[in-house]
Amino acid sequence: MHKLERCNAPHCLSKFKHGLNTWDEVSNADKLEIWAALETMQGHRCAYCESDISGGKKSIEHFRQKASHRYPKGTFEWANLFGSCTRKDSCGNHKDQCGEYHHEDLIKPDEEDPEFYLLFLVDGSIVPRHGLSEKDNHRANETLRVFNLDHKHGPLRQMRRKAILGYLYTAETIHELANIYPLEEWLPFLEEELARIKPLSYATAIKHTLTSQLRTDR
């Protein structure tokens, strides 16, 4: 999960009104338009786990559930929509099946920077950052729980770990350079690597691996 910049709402959403329309009335053409806007915001990655969803296993996800006992007026709110993978044991599907929670406790990636709350480790796990307030620590843990992003034996951990493995040597090289040379000599190399990984699946996990041994994450 990483910070997303929400773009302008797709025009088709203006056709629908809460109380007059249902999500079933959103046509395939409308959904294609919504997906085009979602991909502008988040690329071809799940908004929550950052896995690749370009192959078609994806769904338009309501951050606050549109069910009648939840937040039905958010059914057509652009700010309430994200693109999610369709894994049953994580992300949007898990959120909708995990039971009661308060939506205010979840990190919303288009409004907040998840990296303020979460630290990705080399073994593929995710933990709350040290030094968070009690409230922020609770929100970090609730986000991991509700979206099931850090299941100990889940596939997401293993996929993140596999993605990270290819960058361990680069991370060690950057660390060695940082210990030998002044900042202005090694920082461009790090920035080039961070720019290169930005569109990749699990980019945040890779980023934290590349910067984990440095004094300041970039």
N, C-alpha and C. Protein backbone atom coordinates (compact mmCIF):
# COMPACT_ATOMS: atom_id res chain seq x y z
N MET A 1 0.85 -1.19 0.00
CA MET A 1 0.00 0.00 0.00
C MET A 1 0.88 1.24 0.00
N HIS A 2 0.58 2.18 -0.88
CA HIS A 2 1.36 3.40 -0.95
C HIS A 2 0.45 4.58 -1.29
N LYS A 3 0.97 5.78 -1.19
CA LYS A 3 0.17 6.99 -1.42
C LYS A 3 -0.27 7.07 -2.88
N LEU A 4 -1.55 7.37 -3.07
CA LEU A 4 -2.14 7.53 -4.40
C LEU A 4 -2.65 8.95 -4.57
N GLU A 5 -2.54 9.45 -5.79
CA GLU A 5 -3.07 10.78 -6.11
C GLU A 5 -4.33 10.60 -6.96
N ARG A 6 -5.48 10.96 -6.39
CA ARG A 6 -6.74 10.74 -7.09
C ARG A 6 -6.91 11.78 -8.19
N CYS A 7 -7.25 11.30 -9.37
CA CYS A 7 -7.46 12.18 -10.52
C CYS A 7 -8.93 12.60 -10.58
N ASN A 8 -9.32 13.31 -11.64
CA ASN A 8 -10.70 13.74 -11.79
C ASN A 8 -11.64 12.55 -11.95
N ALA A 9 -12.85 12.72 -11.48
CA ALA A 9 -13.84 11.64 -11.53
C ALA A 9 -14.24 11.33 -12.97
N PRO A 10 -14.45 10.06 -13.29
CA PRO A 10 -14.98 9.72 -14.62
C PRO A 10 -16.37 10.31 -14.80
N HIS A 11 -16.64 10.81 -15.98
CA HIS A 11 -17.90 11.52 -16.24
C HIS A 11 -19.11 10.63 -16.02
N CYS A 12 -18.99 9.35 -16.30
CA CYS A 12 -20.15 8.45 -16.22
C CYS A 12 -20.77 8.40 -14.83
N LEU A 13 -20.00 8.65 -13.79
CA LEU A 13 -20.54 8.57 -12.43
C LEU A 13 -21.60 9.63 -12.17
N SER A 14 -21.54 10.72 -12.92
CA SER A 14 -22.51 11.80 -12.71
C SER A 14 -23.92 11.38 -13.14
N LYS A 15 -24.05 10.28 -13.88
CA LYS A 15 -25.36 9.81 -14.33
C LYS A 15 -26.15 9.12 -13.22
N PHE A 16 -25.44 8.72 -12.18
CA PHE A 16 -26.06 7.89 -11.16
C PHE A 16 -26.23 8.65 -9.85
N LYS A 17 -27.35 8.39 -9.17
CA LYS A 17 -27.65 9.05 -7.91
C LYS A 17 -28.05 8.02 -6.88
N HIS A 18 -27.53 8.21 -5.67
CA HIS A 18 -27.93 7.35 -4.57
C HIS A 18 -29.43 7.50 -4.32
N GLY A 19 -30.11 6.39 -4.16
CA GLY A 19 -31.55 6.39 -3.93
C GLY A 19 -32.36 6.24 -5.19
N LEU A 20 -31.74 6.56 -6.34
CA LEU A 20 -32.43 6.42 -7.62
C LEU A 20 -31.85 5.28 -8.45
N ASN A 21 -30.57 5.01 -8.28
CA ASN A 21 -29.90 3.97 -9.07
C ASN A 21 -29.20 2.97 -8.15
N THR A 22 -28.87 1.81 -8.71
CA THR A 22 -28.10 0.81 -8.00
C THR A 22 -26.83 0.51 -8.79
N TRP A 23 -25.87 -0.10 -8.13
CA TRP A 23 -24.60 -0.43 -8.80
C TRP A 23 -24.81 -1.38 -9.98
N ASP A 24 -25.87 -2.18 -9.93
CA ASP A 24 -26.16 -3.11 -11.03
C ASP A 24 -26.46 -2.37 -12.33
N GLU A 25 -26.83 -1.10 -12.24
CA GLU A 25 -27.14 -0.33 -13.44
C GLU A 25 -25.90 0.24 -14.12
N VAL A 26 -24.75 0.11 -13.48
CA VAL A 26 -23.50 0.58 -14.08
C VAL A 26 -23.11 -0.40 -15.19
N SER A 27 -23.08 0.07 -16.42
CA SER A 27 -22.83 -0.79 -17.57
C SER A 27 -21.35 -1.16 -17.69
N ASN A 28 -21.07 -2.12 -18.55
CA ASN A 28 -19.68 -2.49 -18.81
C ASN A 28 -18.89 -1.31 -19.38
N ALA A 29 -19.55 -0.53 -20.22
CA ALA A 29 -18.88 0.65 -20.79
C ALA A 29 -18.56 1.66 -19.68
N ASP A 30 -19.50 1.83 -18.75
CA ASP A 30 -19.25 2.73 -17.61
C ASP A 30 -18.08 2.22 -16.78
N LYS A 31 -18.03 0.92 -16.55
CA LYS A 31 -16.96 0.35 -15.74
C LYS A 31 -15.61 0.50 -16.43
N LEU A 32 -15.59 0.40 -17.75
CA LEU A 32 -14.33 0.62 -18.47
C LEU A 32 -13.85 2.06 -18.27
N GLU A 33 -14.79 3.00 -18.27
CA GLU A 33 -14.42 4.40 -18.04
C GLU A 33 -13.91 4.59 -16.61
N ILE A 34 -14.56 3.94 -15.65
CA ILE A 34 -14.12 4.03 -14.27
C ILE A 34 -12.72 3.41 -14.12
N TRP A 35 -12.52 2.28 -14.78
CA TRP A 35 -11.21 1.63 -14.70
C TRP A 35 -10.12 2.49 -15.31
N ALA A 36 -10.42 3.19 -16.37
CA ALA A 36 -9.42 4.08 -16.97
C ALA A 36 -8.97 5.13 -15.97
N ALA A 37 -9.92 5.67 -15.21
CA ALA A 37 -9.57 6.66 -14.19
C ALA A 37 -8.82 6.03 -13.02
N LEU A 38 -9.24 4.83 -12.61
CA LEU A 38 -8.54 4.14 -11.53
C LEU A 38 -7.10 3.83 -11.91
N GLU A 39 -6.89 3.43 -13.16
CA GLU A 39 -5.53 3.11 -13.60
C GLU A 39 -4.67 4.37 -13.70
N THR A 40 -5.29 5.50 -13.97
CA THR A 40 -4.53 6.75 -13.93
C THR A 40 -4.04 7.01 -12.51
N MET A 41 -4.85 6.66 -11.52
CA MET A 41 -4.50 6.88 -10.13
C MET A 41 -3.52 5.84 -9.60
N GLN A 42 -3.73 4.58 -9.91
CA GLN A 42 -2.96 3.52 -9.24
C GLN A 42 -2.21 2.59 -10.18
N GLY A 43 -2.22 2.89 -11.47
CA GLY A 43 -1.56 2.01 -12.42
C GLY A 43 -2.29 0.69 -12.53
N HIS A 44 -1.57 -0.37 -12.86
CA HIS A 44 -2.18 -1.69 -12.98
C HIS A 44 -1.94 -2.51 -11.72
N ARG A 45 -2.03 -1.85 -10.58
CA ARG A 45 -1.78 -2.53 -9.31
C ARG A 45 -2.97 -2.36 -8.37
N CYS A 46 -3.18 -3.38 -7.55
CA CYS A 46 -4.20 -3.31 -6.51
C CYS A 46 -3.88 -2.14 -5.59
N ALA A 47 -4.89 -1.36 -5.24
CA ALA A 47 -4.69 -0.19 -4.40
C ALA A 47 -4.22 -0.56 -2.99
N TYR A 48 -4.43 -1.81 -2.59
CA TYR A 48 -4.12 -2.22 -1.23
C TYR A 48 -2.84 -3.05 -1.13
N CYS A 49 -2.73 -4.12 -1.92
CA CYS A 49 -1.56 -5.00 -1.79
C CYS A 49 -0.50 -4.72 -2.85
N GLU A 50 -0.80 -3.92 -3.85
CA GLU A 50 0.13 -3.55 -4.92
C GLU A 50 0.45 -4.70 -5.88
N SER A 51 -0.35 -5.75 -5.87
CA SER A 51 -0.12 -6.83 -6.82
C SER A 51 -0.63 -6.43 -8.20
N ASP A 52 -0.11 -7.07 -9.23
CA ASP A 52 -0.47 -6.78 -10.61
C ASP A 52 -1.90 -7.24 -10.89
N ILE A 53 -2.74 -6.34 -11.38
CA ILE A 53 -4.12 -6.72 -11.72
C ILE A 53 -4.40 -6.47 -13.20
N SER A 54 -3.33 -6.38 -13.99
CA SER A 54 -3.52 -6.11 -15.43
C SER A 54 -4.09 -7.32 -16.17
N GLY A 55 -3.98 -8.50 -15.56
CA GLY A 55 -4.45 -9.70 -16.23
C GLY A 55 -5.95 -9.91 -16.16
N GLY A 56 -6.67 -9.03 -15.49
CA GLY A 56 -8.13 -9.12 -15.48
C GLY A 56 -8.74 -9.54 -14.16
N LYS A 57 -7.93 -10.06 -13.21
CA LYS A 57 -8.47 -10.46 -11.92
C LYS A 57 -8.54 -9.25 -11.00
N LYS A 58 -9.59 -8.46 -11.22
CA LYS A 58 -9.70 -7.20 -10.50
C LYS A 58 -11.16 -6.84 -10.33
N SER A 59 -11.43 -5.93 -9.39
CA SER A 59 -12.80 -5.47 -9.18
C SER A 59 -12.78 -4.02 -8.73
N ILE A 60 -13.86 -3.32 -9.05
CA ILE A 60 -14.03 -1.96 -8.55
C ILE A 60 -14.52 -2.07 -7.11
N GLU A 61 -13.74 -1.54 -6.21
CA GLU A 61 -13.94 -1.76 -4.78
C GLU A 61 -14.43 -0.49 -4.09
N HIS A 62 -15.46 -0.66 -3.25
CA HIS A 62 -15.97 0.45 -2.45
C HIS A 62 -15.24 0.45 -1.10
N PHE A 63 -14.46 1.49 -0.86
CA PHE A 63 -13.68 1.58 0.38
C PHE A 63 -14.62 1.49 1.58
N ARG A 64 -15.64 2.30 1.58
CA ARG A 64 -16.71 2.16 2.57
C ARG A 64 -17.81 1.36 1.89
N GLN A 65 -18.17 0.25 2.47
CA GLN A 65 -19.09 -0.69 1.83
C GLN A 65 -20.42 -0.04 1.49
N LYS A 66 -20.93 -0.40 0.30
CA LYS A 66 -22.16 0.22 -0.18
C LYS A 66 -23.42 -0.45 0.34
N ALA A 67 -23.28 -1.50 1.15
CA ALA A 67 -24.45 -2.20 1.70
C ALA A 67 -25.35 -1.22 2.45
N SER A 68 -26.62 -1.56 2.52
CA SER A 68 -27.62 -0.65 3.10
C SER A 68 -27.34 -0.32 4.56
N HIS A 69 -26.67 -1.23 5.30
CA HIS A 69 -26.37 -0.96 6.72
C HIS A 69 -24.99 -0.33 6.88
N ARG A 70 -24.32 -0.04 5.77
CA ARG A 70 -22.98 0.53 5.83
C ARG A 70 -22.99 1.98 5.33
N TYR A 71 -22.67 2.17 4.03
CA TYR A 71 -22.55 3.52 3.49
C TYR A 71 -23.11 3.54 2.07
N PRO A 72 -24.41 3.31 1.91
CA PRO A 72 -24.99 3.23 0.57
C PRO A 72 -24.87 4.51 -0.23
N LYS A 73 -24.80 5.67 0.42
CA LYS A 73 -24.71 6.91 -0.35
C LYS A 73 -23.34 7.07 -1.00
N GLY A 74 -22.40 6.19 -0.64
CA GLY A 74 -21.09 6.23 -1.26
C GLY A 74 -20.97 5.33 -2.48
N THR A 75 -22.09 4.75 -2.91
CA THR A 75 -22.06 3.81 -4.03
C THR A 75 -21.44 4.42 -5.28
N PHE A 76 -21.75 5.67 -5.56
CA PHE A 76 -21.27 6.32 -6.79
C PHE A 76 -20.30 7.46 -6.50
N GLU A 77 -19.80 7.53 -5.27
CA GLU A 77 -18.82 8.56 -4.93
C GLU A 77 -17.45 8.17 -5.46
N TRP A 78 -16.88 9.01 -6.28
CA TRP A 78 -15.57 8.72 -6.86
C TRP A 78 -14.51 8.53 -5.76
N ALA A 79 -14.59 9.32 -4.71
CA ALA A 79 -13.60 9.23 -3.63
C ALA A 79 -13.70 7.92 -2.86
N ASN A 80 -14.78 7.16 -3.08
CA ASN A 80 -14.99 5.90 -2.37
C ASN A 80 -14.57 4.69 -3.19
N LEU A 81 -14.07 4.91 -4.40
CA LEU A 81 -13.77 3.79 -5.30
C LEU A 81 -12.27 3.58 -5.47
N PHE A 82 -11.88 2.31 -5.42
CA PHE A 82 -10.51 1.90 -5.71
C PHE A 82 -10.56 0.65 -6.59
N GLY A 83 -9.44 0.35 -7.19
CA GLY A 83 -9.31 -0.91 -7.93
C GLY A 83 -8.61 -1.92 -7.06
N SER A 84 -9.22 -3.10 -6.88
CA SER A 84 -8.67 -4.12 -6.00
C SER A 84 -8.45 -5.42 -6.75
N CYS A 85 -7.50 -6.22 -6.25
CA CYS A 85 -7.38 -7.58 -6.74
C CYS A 85 -8.60 -8.36 -6.24
N THR A 86 -8.74 -9.60 -6.71
CA THR A 86 -9.92 -10.39 -6.33
C THR A 86 -9.56 -11.58 -5.45
N ARG A 87 -8.39 -11.54 -4.81
CA ARG A 87 -8.05 -12.62 -3.88
C ARG A 87 -9.08 -12.69 -2.77
N LYS A 88 -9.52 -13.90 -2.47
CA LYS A 88 -10.54 -14.06 -1.44
C LYS A 88 -9.99 -13.83 -0.04
N ASP A 89 -8.67 -13.99 0.13
CA ASP A 89 -8.10 -13.92 1.47
C ASP A 89 -7.40 -12.61 1.76
N SER A 90 -7.66 -11.58 0.95
CA SER A 90 -7.02 -10.29 1.22
C SER A 90 -7.78 -9.17 0.52
N CYS A 91 -7.37 -7.94 0.80
CA CYS A 91 -7.80 -6.73 0.11
C CYS A 91 -9.31 -6.55 0.17
N GLY A 92 -9.96 -6.15 -0.94
CA GLY A 92 -11.37 -5.81 -0.90
C GLY A 92 -12.27 -6.95 -0.47
N ASN A 93 -12.02 -8.15 -0.98
CA ASN A 93 -12.86 -9.29 -0.61
C ASN A 93 -12.76 -9.60 0.87
N HIS A 94 -11.55 -9.58 1.41
CA HIS A 94 -11.38 -9.88 2.83
C HIS A 94 -12.03 -8.79 3.68
N LYS A 95 -11.88 -7.54 3.29
CA LYS A 95 -12.50 -6.43 4.03
C LYS A 95 -14.00 -6.63 4.16
N ASP A 96 -14.63 -7.06 3.08
CA ASP A 96 -16.08 -7.20 3.08
C ASP A 96 -16.57 -8.44 3.80
N GLN A 97 -15.65 -9.33 4.18
CA GLN A 97 -16.05 -10.57 4.85
C GLN A 97 -15.50 -10.70 6.26
N CYS A 98 -14.72 -9.72 6.71
CA CYS A 98 -13.98 -9.91 7.97
C CYS A 98 -14.78 -9.52 9.21
N GLY A 99 -15.98 -9.02 9.05
CA GLY A 99 -16.76 -8.64 10.22
C GLY A 99 -16.72 -7.15 10.50
N GLU A 100 -17.08 -6.79 11.70
CA GLU A 100 -17.23 -5.38 12.06
C GLU A 100 -15.87 -4.67 12.19
N TYR A 101 -15.85 -3.44 11.76
CA TYR A 101 -14.69 -2.56 11.94
C TYR A 101 -15.18 -1.14 11.72
N HIS A 102 -14.38 -0.17 12.12
CA HIS A 102 -14.71 1.23 11.89
C HIS A 102 -13.90 1.73 10.70
N HIS A 103 -14.57 2.28 9.70
CA HIS A 103 -13.83 2.68 8.50
C HIS A 103 -12.81 3.78 8.81
N GLU A 104 -13.07 4.56 9.88
CA GLU A 104 -12.12 5.62 10.24
C GLU A 104 -10.78 5.04 10.69
N ASP A 105 -10.76 3.77 11.07
CA ASP A 105 -9.54 3.15 11.54
C ASP A 105 -8.65 2.67 10.38
N LEU A 106 -9.17 2.68 9.17
CA LEU A 106 -8.41 2.20 8.03
C LEU A 106 -7.64 3.35 7.36
N ILE A 107 -6.44 3.06 6.92
CA ILE A 107 -5.64 4.03 6.19
C ILE A 107 -6.20 4.13 4.77
N LYS A 108 -6.60 5.32 4.35
CA LYS A 108 -7.16 5.52 3.02
C LYS A 108 -6.04 6.10 2.13
N PRO A 109 -5.54 5.32 1.18
CA PRO A 109 -4.29 5.69 0.51
C PRO A 109 -4.33 6.89 -0.41
N ASP A 110 -5.51 7.38 -0.76
CA ASP A 110 -5.56 8.61 -1.56
C ASP A 110 -5.62 9.85 -0.67
N GLU A 111 -5.76 9.66 0.63
CA GLU A 111 -5.83 10.79 1.56
C GLU A 111 -4.65 10.83 2.53
N GLU A 112 -4.06 9.68 2.79
CA GLU A 112 -2.95 9.58 3.73
C GLU A 112 -1.81 8.80 3.08
N ASP A 113 -0.62 8.99 3.60
CA ASP A 113 0.53 8.22 3.11
C ASP A 113 0.70 6.98 3.98
N PRO A 114 0.41 5.79 3.44
CA PRO A 114 0.54 4.57 4.24
C PRO A 114 1.95 4.35 4.78
N GLU A 115 2.95 4.92 4.10
CA GLU A 115 4.33 4.73 4.56
C GLU A 115 4.61 5.43 5.89
N PHE A 116 3.77 6.38 6.26
CA PHE A 116 3.89 7.00 7.58
C PHE A 116 3.58 5.97 8.67
N TYR A 117 2.70 5.02 8.36
CA TYR A 117 2.22 4.05 9.34
C TYR A 117 2.89 2.68 9.24
N LEU A 118 3.27 2.28 8.03
CA LEU A 118 3.67 0.89 7.78
C LEU A 118 5.11 0.79 7.30
N LEU A 119 5.78 -0.27 7.77
CA LEU A 119 7.15 -0.56 7.35
C LEU A 119 7.18 -1.96 6.76
N PHE A 120 7.73 -2.06 5.53
CA PHE A 120 7.85 -3.34 4.84
C PHE A 120 9.23 -3.93 5.10
N LEU A 121 9.26 -5.18 5.53
CA LEU A 121 10.52 -5.82 5.91
C LEU A 121 11.01 -6.77 4.82
N VAL A 122 12.29 -7.15 4.92
CA VAL A 122 12.93 -7.96 3.89
C VAL A 122 12.29 -9.34 3.76
N ASP A 123 11.71 -9.86 4.85
CA ASP A 123 11.10 -11.19 4.78
C ASP A 123 9.70 -11.17 4.17
N GLY A 124 9.26 -10.00 3.69
CA GLY A 124 7.94 -9.89 3.07
C GLY A 124 6.84 -9.47 4.00
N SER A 125 7.16 -9.34 5.28
CA SER A 125 6.13 -8.94 6.25
C SER A 125 5.97 -7.43 6.30
N ILE A 126 4.90 -6.98 6.93
CA ILE A 126 4.63 -5.56 7.13
C ILE A 126 4.34 -5.36 8.61
N VAL A 127 4.92 -4.31 9.18
CA VAL A 127 4.69 -4.03 10.61
C VAL A 127 4.40 -2.54 10.77
N PRO A 128 3.70 -2.16 11.83
CA PRO A 128 3.55 -0.73 12.13
C PRO A 128 4.91 -0.12 12.43
N ARG A 129 5.10 1.12 12.03
CA ARG A 129 6.37 1.79 12.31
C ARG A 129 6.53 2.05 13.80
N HIS A 130 7.77 2.06 14.24
CA HIS A 130 8.05 2.41 15.63
C HIS A 130 7.74 3.89 15.86
N GLY A 131 7.32 4.20 17.07
CA GLY A 131 7.13 5.58 17.46
C GLY A 131 5.77 6.16 17.13
N LEU A 132 4.85 5.34 16.62
CA LEU A 132 3.50 5.84 16.33
C LEU A 132 2.75 6.09 17.63
N SER A 133 1.81 7.01 17.59
CA SER A 133 0.93 7.20 18.73
C SER A 133 0.06 5.95 18.90
N GLU A 134 -0.58 5.83 20.03
CA GLU A 134 -1.45 4.67 20.27
C GLU A 134 -2.55 4.60 19.21
N LYS A 135 -3.12 5.75 18.87
CA LYS A 135 -4.18 5.78 17.85
C LYS A 135 -3.64 5.36 16.49
N ASP A 136 -2.49 5.90 16.08
CA ASP A 136 -1.94 5.57 14.77
C ASP A 136 -1.47 4.12 14.71
N ASN A 137 -0.95 3.61 15.81
CA ASN A 137 -0.55 2.20 15.85
C ASN A 137 -1.76 1.30 15.67
N HIS A 138 -2.87 1.67 16.32
CA HIS A 138 -4.11 0.90 16.17
C HIS A 138 -4.58 0.93 14.71
N ARG A 139 -4.50 2.08 14.07
CA ARG A 139 -4.94 2.20 12.68
C ARG A 139 -4.06 1.36 11.75
N ALA A 140 -2.77 1.37 12.01
CA ALA A 140 -1.86 0.55 11.21
C ALA A 140 -2.22 -0.93 11.34
N ASN A 141 -2.44 -1.38 12.57
CA ASN A 141 -2.78 -2.78 12.79
C ASN A 141 -4.14 -3.15 12.23
N GLU A 142 -5.11 -2.23 12.35
CA GLU A 142 -6.43 -2.50 11.79
C GLU A 142 -6.39 -2.59 10.27
N THR A 143 -5.60 -1.74 9.64
CA THR A 143 -5.47 -1.79 8.18
C THR A 143 -4.87 -3.12 7.75
N LEU A 144 -3.84 -3.57 8.44
CA LEU A 144 -3.24 -4.87 8.12
C LEU A 144 -4.24 -6.00 8.35
N ARG A 145 -5.03 -5.89 9.42
CA ARG A 145 -5.98 -6.95 9.74
C ARG A 145 -7.16 -7.00 8.77
N VAL A 146 -7.77 -5.85 8.54
CA VAL A 146 -9.00 -5.82 7.73
C VAL A 146 -8.72 -6.19 6.28
N PHE A 147 -7.59 -5.73 5.74
CA PHE A 147 -7.23 -6.10 4.37
C PHE A 147 -6.38 -7.37 4.33
N ASN A 148 -6.05 -7.91 5.48
CA ASN A 148 -5.26 -9.14 5.61
C ASN A 148 -3.97 -9.07 4.77
N LEU A 149 -3.23 -7.98 4.95
CA LEU A 149 -2.04 -7.75 4.14
C LEU A 149 -0.80 -8.44 4.67
N ASP A 150 -0.86 -8.97 5.90
CA ASP A 150 0.35 -9.54 6.48
C ASP A 150 0.10 -10.91 7.10
N HIS A 151 -0.76 -11.71 6.49
CA HIS A 151 -1.02 -13.06 6.98
C HIS A 151 0.27 -13.86 6.96
N LYS A 152 0.64 -14.43 8.10
CA LYS A 152 1.95 -15.07 8.25
C LYS A 152 2.21 -16.13 7.18
N HIS A 153 1.20 -16.92 6.87
CA HIS A 153 1.40 -18.00 5.89
C HIS A 153 0.65 -17.71 4.59
N GLY A 154 0.30 -16.43 4.39
CA GLY A 154 -0.44 -16.08 3.19
C GLY A 154 0.45 -15.87 1.98
N PRO A 155 -0.12 -15.93 0.79
CA PRO A 155 0.67 -15.79 -0.44
C PRO A 155 1.26 -14.39 -0.63
N LEU A 156 0.61 -13.35 -0.10
CA LEU A 156 1.11 -12.00 -0.31
C LEU A 156 2.51 -11.83 0.27
N ARG A 157 2.72 -12.38 1.46
CA ARG A 157 4.05 -12.29 2.08
C ARG A 157 5.11 -12.91 1.17
N GLN A 158 4.79 -14.07 0.64
CA GLN A 158 5.75 -14.77 -0.21
C GLN A 158 5.99 -14.03 -1.52
N MET A 159 4.96 -13.43 -2.09
CA MET A 159 5.13 -12.68 -3.33
C MET A 159 5.96 -11.41 -3.10
N ARG A 160 5.71 -10.75 -1.98
CA ARG A 160 6.55 -9.58 -1.65
C ARG A 160 8.00 -10.00 -1.43
N ARG A 161 8.19 -11.09 -0.71
CA ARG A 161 9.54 -11.56 -0.44
C ARG A 161 10.26 -11.91 -1.75
N LYS A 162 9.56 -12.56 -2.65
CA LYS A 162 10.17 -12.91 -3.94
C LYS A 162 10.57 -11.66 -4.71
N ALA A 163 9.71 -10.64 -4.69
CA ALA A 163 10.03 -9.38 -5.38
C ALA A 163 11.23 -8.70 -4.75
N ILE A 164 11.33 -8.77 -3.43
CA ILE A 164 12.42 -8.12 -2.70
C ILE A 164 13.76 -8.80 -2.99
N LEU A 165 13.76 -10.11 -3.11
CA LEU A 165 15.00 -10.86 -3.26
C LEU A 165 15.87 -10.35 -4.40
N GLY A 166 15.23 -9.93 -5.48
CA GLY A 166 15.99 -9.44 -6.63
C GLY A 166 16.69 -8.12 -6.40
N TYR A 167 16.42 -7.48 -5.25
CA TYR A 167 17.00 -6.16 -4.97
C TYR A 167 17.92 -6.16 -3.76
N LEU A 168 18.16 -7.32 -3.18
CA LEU A 168 19.01 -7.35 -1.98
C LEU A 168 20.44 -6.92 -2.29
N TYR A 169 20.98 -7.38 -3.42
CA TYR A 169 22.34 -7.00 -3.77
C TYR A 169 22.43 -5.49 -4.00
N THR A 170 21.43 -4.94 -4.69
CA THR A 170 21.42 -3.49 -4.94
C THR A 170 21.34 -2.73 -3.62
N ALA A 171 20.51 -3.23 -2.68
CA ALA A 171 20.39 -2.58 -1.37
C ALA A 171 21.73 -2.60 -0.63
N GLU A 172 22.43 -3.73 -0.69
CA GLU A 172 23.74 -3.83 -0.04
C GLU A 172 24.74 -2.88 -0.68
N THR A 173 24.68 -2.77 -2.01
CA THR A 173 25.58 -1.87 -2.72
C THR A 173 25.35 -0.42 -2.32
N ILE A 174 24.08 -0.02 -2.24
CA ILE A 174 23.75 1.35 -1.84
C ILE A 174 24.23 1.62 -0.42
N HIS A 175 24.04 0.66 0.46
CA HIS A 175 24.49 0.81 1.84
C HIS A 175 26.01 0.99 1.91
N GLU A 176 26.73 0.19 1.13
CA GLU A 176 28.20 0.31 1.11
C GLU A 176 28.63 1.66 0.56
N LEU A 177 27.99 2.10 -0.51
CA LEU A 177 28.33 3.40 -1.08
C LEU A 177 28.07 4.53 -0.08
N ALA A 178 26.95 4.41 0.65
CA ALA A 178 26.58 5.44 1.62
C ALA A 178 27.59 5.54 2.76
N ASN A 179 28.24 4.41 3.06
CA ASN A 179 29.23 4.40 4.14
C ASN A 179 30.60 4.91 3.70
N ILE A 180 30.82 4.97 2.38
CA ILE A 180 32.14 5.34 1.86
C ILE A 180 32.16 6.75 1.27
N TYR A 181 31.10 7.07 0.51
CA TYR A 181 31.12 8.29 -0.27
C TYR A 181 30.16 9.33 0.30
N PRO A 182 30.37 10.59 0.00
CA PRO A 182 29.44 11.64 0.43
C PRO A 182 28.09 11.50 -0.26
N LEU A 183 27.08 12.09 0.36
CA LEU A 183 25.69 11.95 -0.10
C LEU A 183 25.53 12.25 -1.58
N GLU A 184 26.14 13.33 -2.05
CA GLU A 184 25.92 13.75 -3.44
C GLU A 184 26.47 12.76 -4.46
N GLU A 185 27.31 11.82 -4.02
CA GLU A 185 27.88 10.86 -4.96
C GLU A 185 27.06 9.58 -5.07
N TRP A 186 26.37 9.17 -3.99
CA TRP A 186 25.60 7.94 -4.07
C TRP A 186 24.09 8.16 -4.16
N LEU A 187 23.62 9.33 -3.74
CA LEU A 187 22.18 9.59 -3.77
C LEU A 187 21.59 9.49 -5.17
N PRO A 188 22.24 10.00 -6.24
CA PRO A 188 21.65 9.85 -7.58
C PRO A 188 21.41 8.40 -7.98
N PHE A 189 22.29 7.50 -7.56
CA PHE A 189 22.12 6.08 -7.85
C PHE A 189 20.87 5.55 -7.17
N LEU A 190 20.68 5.91 -5.90
CA LEU A 190 19.48 5.49 -5.17
C LEU A 190 18.22 6.06 -5.82
N GLU A 191 18.24 7.33 -6.15
CA GLU A 191 17.07 7.97 -6.76
C GLU A 191 16.73 7.33 -8.10
N GLU A 192 17.75 6.94 -8.85
CA GLU A 192 17.52 6.27 -10.13
C GLU A 192 16.84 4.92 -9.92
N GLU A 193 17.29 4.19 -8.92
CA GLU A 193 16.67 2.90 -8.61
C GLU A 193 15.23 3.07 -8.14
N LEU A 194 14.98 4.06 -7.31
CA LEU A 194 13.62 4.30 -6.81
C LEU A 194 12.68 4.69 -7.93
N ALA A 195 13.17 5.46 -8.90
CA ALA A 195 12.35 5.83 -10.05
C ALA A 195 12.06 4.61 -10.91
N ARG A 196 13.03 3.71 -11.01
CA ARG A 196 12.87 2.53 -11.85
C ARG A 196 11.84 1.56 -11.29
N ILE A 197 11.80 1.43 -9.98
CA ILE A 197 10.89 0.45 -9.37
C ILE A 197 9.48 1.00 -9.16
N LYS A 198 9.31 2.30 -9.30
CA LYS A 198 8.03 2.94 -8.94
C LYS A 198 6.80 2.28 -9.56
N PRO A 199 6.83 1.87 -10.84
CA PRO A 199 5.63 1.26 -11.41
C PRO A 199 5.49 -0.24 -11.16
N LEU A 200 6.43 -0.85 -10.45
CA LEU A 200 6.43 -2.30 -10.28
C LEU A 200 5.45 -2.75 -9.21
N SER A 201 5.02 -4.01 -9.30
CA SER A 201 4.27 -4.62 -8.21
C SER A 201 5.13 -4.65 -6.96
N TYR A 202 4.51 -4.42 -5.80
CA TYR A 202 5.19 -4.45 -4.51
C TYR A 202 6.34 -3.44 -4.44
N ALA A 203 6.16 -2.31 -5.12
CA ALA A 203 7.22 -1.30 -5.17
C ALA A 203 7.55 -0.75 -3.79
N THR A 204 6.57 -0.65 -2.91
CA THR A 204 6.84 -0.10 -1.58
C THR A 204 7.74 -1.03 -0.78
N ALA A 205 7.50 -2.33 -0.89
CA ALA A 205 8.36 -3.30 -0.21
C ALA A 205 9.78 -3.22 -0.74
N ILE A 206 9.92 -3.09 -2.05
CA ILE A 206 11.26 -2.97 -2.65
C ILE A 206 11.92 -1.68 -2.20
N LYS A 207 11.16 -0.59 -2.20
CA LYS A 207 11.69 0.71 -1.77
C LYS A 207 12.23 0.64 -0.35
N HIS A 208 11.48 0.03 0.56
CA HIS A 208 11.91 -0.03 1.94
C HIS A 208 13.14 -0.92 2.10
N THR A 209 13.27 -1.92 1.22
CA THR A 209 14.48 -2.74 1.23
C THR A 209 15.68 -1.93 0.78
N LEU A 210 15.51 -1.12 -0.25
CA LEU A 210 16.62 -0.31 -0.77
C LEU A 210 17.06 0.76 0.22
N THR A 211 16.14 1.22 1.05
CA THR A 211 16.47 2.32 1.96
C THR A 211 16.58 1.88 3.42
N SER A 212 16.41 0.60 3.70
CA SER A 212 16.29 0.14 5.09
C SER A 212 17.55 0.36 5.91
N GLN A 213 18.70 0.32 5.30
CA GLN A 213 19.95 0.46 6.06
C GLN A 213 20.48 1.90 6.05
N LEU A 214 19.72 2.80 5.43
CA LEU A 214 20.13 4.20 5.42
C LEU A 214 19.53 4.92 6.61
N ARG A 215 20.09 6.02 6.96
CA ARG A 215 19.61 6.75 8.13
C ARG A 215 18.23 7.36 7.91
N THR A 216 17.93 7.70 6.66
CA THR A 216 16.66 8.36 6.36
C THR A 216 16.04 7.72 5.14
N ASP A 217 14.80 7.23 5.22
CA ASP A 217 14.10 6.73 4.06
C ASP A 217 13.83 7.86 3.10
N ARG A 218 13.88 7.53 1.78
CA ARG A 218 13.64 8.55 0.78
C ARG A 218 12.55 8.08 -0.16
